[in-house]
């Protein structure tokens, strides 16, 4: 009986280890929490490169920039399906920086517009840029990026830092 259990478990591990090409399966998207953000599993932590493209959300906002925006220490970025999440350590204050690039950035922008949220236009950033409480959206050469800051403080306090970060990100696209 024990041998059958071991063989069955080993078969499950072989199936989960990848497809015929040897690649591991893509992780399933996580369900949004009550605040509407996805709890990213500890996917691949990102390094903090100096530049990036809309297809690499962790390259658009560096770890240092995310920490500066949040005003607290954050864990390395975790990339998952067009997003990059910089969470706080469990022992830290409530804070998180999320970067949505490409289609996920456009979808986030469209959702906020669709909900009737008030978006303030920002001049001189890419082709267009918009600010709302805790988030900024920008489009450069058809590529969308959204940056969301989660903090338990007045979101207006972070308007200027979000706008400055949007300018930096626009220069990378």
Protein backbone atom coordinates (compact mmCIF):
# COMPACT_ATOMS: atom_id res chain seq x y z
CA UNK A 1 0.00 0.00 0.00
CA UNK A 2 2.79 2.42 0.93
CA UNK A 3 4.64 1.60 -2.29
CA UNK A 4 1.53 2.41 -4.33
CA UNK A 5 1.17 5.73 -2.51
CA UNK A 6 4.80 6.62 -3.25
CA UNK A 7 4.38 5.68 -6.92
CA UNK A 8 1.18 7.72 -7.17
CA UNK A 9 2.81 10.76 -5.60
CA UNK A 10 5.84 10.39 -7.84
CA UNK A 11 3.53 10.29 -10.87
CA UNK A 12 1.90 13.54 -9.72
CA UNK A 13 5.31 15.16 -9.35
CA UNK A 14 6.34 14.02 -12.83
CA UNK A 15 3.17 15.51 -14.30
CA UNK A 16 3.64 18.78 -12.43
CA UNK A 17 7.28 19.11 -13.43
CA UNK A 18 6.46 20.29 -16.91
CA UNK A 19 5.30 19.65 -20.40
CA UNK A 20 7.10 17.72 -23.11
CA UNK A 21 9.44 20.68 -23.59
CA UNK A 22 10.61 20.46 -19.99
CA UNK A 23 9.06 23.80 -19.02
CA UNK A 24 7.23 24.07 -15.72
CA UNK A 25 3.52 24.80 -16.01
CA UNK A 26 2.40 28.40 -15.69
CA UNK A 27 1.06 29.26 -12.26
CA UNK A 28 -2.67 29.79 -12.03
CA UNK A 29 -3.68 33.38 -11.40
CA UNK A 30 -4.53 34.04 -7.80
CA UNK A 31 -7.91 35.26 -6.73
CA UNK A 32 -8.25 38.93 -5.87
CA UNK A 33 -8.49 39.83 -2.23
CA UNK A 34 -11.10 42.14 -0.74
CA UNK A 35 -9.15 45.19 -1.95
CA UNK A 36 -9.16 43.84 -5.49
CA UNK A 37 -5.48 43.00 -5.72
CA UNK A 38 -4.15 39.58 -6.44
CA UNK A 39 -2.14 37.94 -3.75
CA UNK A 40 0.92 36.99 -5.72
CA UNK A 41 2.46 33.70 -4.85
CA UNK A 42 6.18 33.80 -4.28
CA UNK A 43 6.86 33.63 -7.98
CA UNK A 44 10.17 34.75 -9.31
CA UNK A 45 11.61 37.67 -7.35
CA UNK A 46 12.89 40.36 -9.65
CA UNK A 47 16.17 42.08 -9.59
CA UNK A 48 16.18 45.83 -9.98
CA UNK A 49 17.37 46.51 -13.51
CA UNK A 50 17.89 50.03 -14.72
CA UNK A 51 15.40 49.88 -17.55
CA UNK A 52 12.67 47.77 -19.06
CA UNK A 53 9.82 47.32 -21.42
CA UNK A 54 6.08 47.13 -20.99
CA UNK A 55 6.42 43.34 -21.14
CA UNK A 56 8.61 43.26 -18.02
CA UNK A 57 6.75 45.02 -15.19
CA UNK A 58 9.44 44.51 -12.54
CA UNK A 59 11.93 46.26 -14.83
CA UNK A 60 9.70 49.33 -15.09
CA UNK A 61 9.71 50.13 -11.36
CA UNK A 62 12.83 49.12 -9.47
CA UNK A 63 12.80 47.73 -5.95
CA UNK A 64 14.38 50.96 -4.68
CA UNK A 65 11.74 53.09 -6.45
CA UNK A 66 8.93 50.97 -5.03
CA UNK A 67 10.34 51.35 -1.51
CA UNK A 68 10.72 55.09 -1.98
CA UNK A 69 7.11 55.40 -3.16
CA UNK A 70 5.76 53.28 -0.30
CA UNK A 71 7.98 54.95 2.29
CA UNK A 72 8.89 51.60 3.84
CA UNK A 73 10.93 48.47 3.23
CA UNK A 74 9.45 46.09 0.67
CA UNK A 75 10.27 42.58 -0.44
CA UNK A 76 11.70 42.01 -3.93
CA UNK A 77 9.22 42.21 -6.80
CA UNK A 78 7.22 39.13 -7.72
CA UNK A 79 6.26 38.95 -11.36
CA UNK A 80 3.09 37.14 -12.39
CA UNK A 81 1.22 37.45 -15.69
CA UNK A 82 1.99 41.05 -16.65
CA UNK A 83 2.16 42.36 -13.09
CA UNK A 84 4.87 42.95 -10.54
CA UNK A 85 4.08 43.14 -6.84
CA UNK A 86 6.38 44.53 -4.16
CA UNK A 87 4.82 43.48 -0.81
CA UNK A 88 5.94 44.46 2.68
CA UNK A 89 7.49 41.84 4.90
CA UNK A 90 5.02 40.23 7.30
CA UNK A 91 6.56 42.23 10.15
CA UNK A 92 6.24 45.54 8.31
CA UNK A 93 3.45 48.10 8.01
CA UNK A 94 0.64 47.60 5.48
CA UNK A 95 2.04 48.66 2.13
CA UNK A 96 2.33 47.25 -1.36
CA UNK A 97 3.35 48.56 -4.78
CA UNK A 98 1.83 46.90 -7.83
CA UNK A 99 2.91 47.47 -11.43
CA UNK A 100 0.62 46.43 -14.28
CA UNK A 101 2.23 46.42 -17.73
CA UNK A 102 0.81 46.00 -21.19
CA UNK A 103 -2.66 44.48 -21.36
CA UNK A 104 -3.00 44.22 -17.58
CA UNK A 105 -2.24 47.95 -17.28
CA UNK A 106 -4.85 48.81 -19.92
CA UNK A 107 -7.40 46.50 -18.28
CA UNK A 108 -6.86 48.17 -14.90
CA UNK A 109 -7.27 51.62 -16.47
CA UNK A 110 -10.45 50.53 -18.31
CA UNK A 111 -11.89 49.03 -15.11
CA UNK A 112 -11.34 52.23 -13.14
CA UNK A 113 -12.91 54.29 -15.92
CA UNK A 114 -15.80 51.83 -16.16
CA UNK A 115 -16.45 52.15 -12.43
CA UNK A 116 -16.73 55.91 -12.85
CA UNK A 117 -13.68 56.70 -10.74
CA UNK A 118 -12.46 60.25 -11.06
CA UNK A 119 -9.17 60.35 -12.94
CA UNK A 120 -7.13 63.55 -13.07
CA UNK A 121 -5.14 64.11 -16.30
CA UNK A 122 -1.38 64.55 -15.93
CA UNK A 123 0.30 66.72 -18.56
CA UNK A 124 3.66 65.96 -20.12
CA UNK A 125 3.82 62.24 -19.30
CA UNK A 126 3.86 59.96 -22.32
CA UNK A 127 0.95 60.10 -24.75
CA UNK A 128 -1.49 60.32 -21.85
CA UNK A 129 -1.39 59.88 -18.09
CA UNK A 130 -4.03 59.85 -15.36
CA UNK A 131 -3.92 60.00 -11.57
CA UNK A 132 -6.46 58.71 -9.10
CA UNK A 133 -6.31 57.96 -5.38
CA UNK A 134 -3.34 55.64 -4.97
CA UNK A 135 -2.85 54.86 -8.68
CA UNK A 136 -1.37 56.32 -11.82
CA UNK A 137 -1.96 55.20 -15.42
CA UNK A 138 0.17 56.06 -18.42
CA UNK A 139 0.37 55.22 -22.10
CA UNK A 140 3.51 55.62 -24.19
CA UNK A 141 3.61 54.54 -27.84
CA UNK A 142 0.55 52.36 -27.34
CA UNK A 143 1.94 50.61 -24.24
CA UNK A 144 0.01 50.94 -20.99
CA UNK A 145 1.40 50.88 -17.46
CA UNK A 146 -0.50 51.30 -14.21
CA UNK A 147 1.12 51.69 -10.80
CA UNK A 148 -0.92 51.17 -7.65
CA UNK A 149 0.17 51.98 -4.12
CA UNK A 150 -1.62 50.33 -1.21
CA UNK A 151 -1.17 52.21 2.09
CA UNK A 152 -3.34 52.86 5.14
CA UNK A 153 -2.85 56.61 4.78
CA UNK A 154 -4.47 59.48 2.92
CA UNK A 155 -3.88 58.65 -0.77
CA UNK A 156 -3.49 62.35 -1.65
CA UNK A 157 -0.19 62.27 0.25
CA UNK A 158 1.21 60.06 -2.52
CA UNK A 159 -0.04 62.00 -5.57
CA UNK A 160 3.25 63.81 -6.22
CA UNK A 161 5.45 60.69 -5.74
CA UNK A 162 3.15 58.70 -8.06
CA UNK A 163 3.35 61.44 -10.69
CA UNK A 164 7.16 61.55 -10.45
CA UNK A 165 7.40 57.77 -10.73
CA UNK A 166 5.10 57.86 -13.78
CA UNK A 167 7.52 60.32 -15.44
CA UNK A 168 10.43 57.98 -14.72
CA UNK A 169 8.58 54.94 -16.06
CA UNK A 170 7.50 56.84 -19.20
CA UNK A 171 11.15 57.57 -19.93
CA UNK A 172 11.86 53.82 -19.89
CA UNK A 173 9.23 52.92 -22.46
